[in-house]
Protein backbone atom coordinates (compact mmCIF):
# COMPACT_ATOMS: atom_id res chain seq x y z
CA MET A 1 -15.01 -10.26 -54.36
CA THR A 2 -18.00 -8.90 -52.49
CA ILE A 3 -17.97 -5.40 -51.08
CA ILE A 4 -19.94 -4.98 -47.90
CA LYS A 5 -21.35 -1.50 -47.40
CA ARG A 6 -21.50 -0.33 -43.81
CA ASP A 7 -24.28 1.93 -42.55
CA LEU A 8 -22.20 4.81 -41.20
CA LYS A 9 -23.55 7.49 -38.91
CA PRO A 10 -23.05 10.98 -40.43
CA PHE A 11 -21.30 13.80 -38.60
CA ARG A 12 -24.37 16.03 -38.39
CA ASP A 13 -26.33 13.31 -36.56
CA LEU A 14 -23.81 13.01 -33.73
CA THR A 15 -24.50 14.69 -30.41
CA GLU A 16 -21.79 16.32 -28.30
CA TYR A 17 -22.01 13.40 -25.88
CA GLU A 18 -21.38 10.89 -28.70
CA LYS A 19 -18.44 12.95 -29.94
CA ASP A 20 -16.95 12.90 -26.43
CA ASN A 21 -17.41 9.13 -26.28
CA ILE A 22 -15.65 8.68 -29.63
CA LEU A 23 -12.65 10.75 -28.53
CA SER A 24 -12.43 9.02 -25.17
CA TYR A 25 -12.67 5.60 -26.86
CA ILE A 26 -9.69 6.44 -29.08
CA GLN A 27 -7.68 7.80 -26.15
CA ASN A 28 -8.51 4.98 -23.72
CA LYS A 29 -7.96 2.13 -26.17
CA GLU A 30 -4.95 3.89 -27.74
CA THR A 31 -6.17 2.75 -31.14
CA SER A 32 -5.86 4.29 -34.57
CA ILE A 33 -8.64 6.33 -36.13
CA LYS A 34 -9.13 3.69 -38.81
CA LYS A 35 -9.62 0.87 -36.29
CA ALA A 36 -11.93 3.04 -34.19
CA SER A 37 -14.03 3.86 -37.24
CA PHE A 38 -14.66 0.17 -37.85
CA ALA A 39 -15.40 -0.54 -34.20
CA LEU A 40 -17.75 2.43 -33.77
CA ASN A 41 -19.32 2.25 -37.26
CA ILE A 42 -18.31 5.82 -38.08
CA GLY A 43 -16.35 7.08 -41.06
CA VAL A 44 -12.72 8.15 -40.80
CA ASP A 45 -13.62 11.57 -42.19
CA THR A 46 -16.20 11.98 -39.44
CA ILE A 47 -13.62 11.29 -36.75
CA ASN A 48 -11.20 13.72 -38.41
CA LYS A 49 -13.92 16.39 -38.38
CA ILE A 50 -14.46 15.79 -34.66
CA PHE A 51 -10.73 16.21 -33.97
CA SER A 52 -10.50 19.39 -36.06
CA GLU A 53 -13.65 20.76 -34.40
CA ARG A 54 -12.36 20.10 -30.88
CA TYR A 55 -8.66 20.79 -31.22
CA GLY A 56 -8.54 23.10 -34.25
CA LYS A 57 -6.28 22.86 -37.24
CA ARG A 58 -2.60 23.65 -37.09
CA ASN A 59 -1.68 27.02 -38.55
CA ASP A 60 1.36 27.80 -40.67
CA CYS A 61 2.08 24.19 -41.60
CA SER A 62 2.74 24.74 -45.28
CA GLU A 63 5.88 23.42 -46.94
CA THR A 64 7.35 26.91 -47.49
CA ASN A 65 6.82 27.96 -43.87
CA ARG A 66 8.45 24.74 -42.66
CA LYS A 67 11.49 25.26 -44.91
CA LYS A 68 11.76 28.88 -43.80
CA TYR A 69 11.65 27.85 -40.14
CA PHE A 70 14.38 25.21 -40.52
CA LYS A 71 16.57 27.57 -42.54
CA GLU A 72 16.36 30.21 -39.81
CA TYR A 73 16.95 27.55 -37.16
CA TRP A 74 20.04 26.25 -38.95
CA ILE A 75 21.52 29.71 -39.42
CA LYS A 76 20.87 30.58 -35.79
CA ASN A 77 22.17 27.32 -34.32
CA LYS A 78 24.72 26.00 -36.80
CA LEU A 79 27.86 24.48 -35.43
CA LYS A 80 31.09 26.46 -35.70
């Protein structure tokens, strides 16, 4: 089995225009990040960094906060 190494473009070498093109490519083609990374010759981690840079990370998404939220929701809205 032969492993082919791709020459990926690093995140720090991307311009804002290229980042916009990557995001619009994913949205227009409605493709997954993995498929877009192969088509655009960019790593999956690089695309994830672009998304987190543009849209920010979600706050309060830990397991304990999620359980606390659903517990409060159930108590508040449980069927009688």
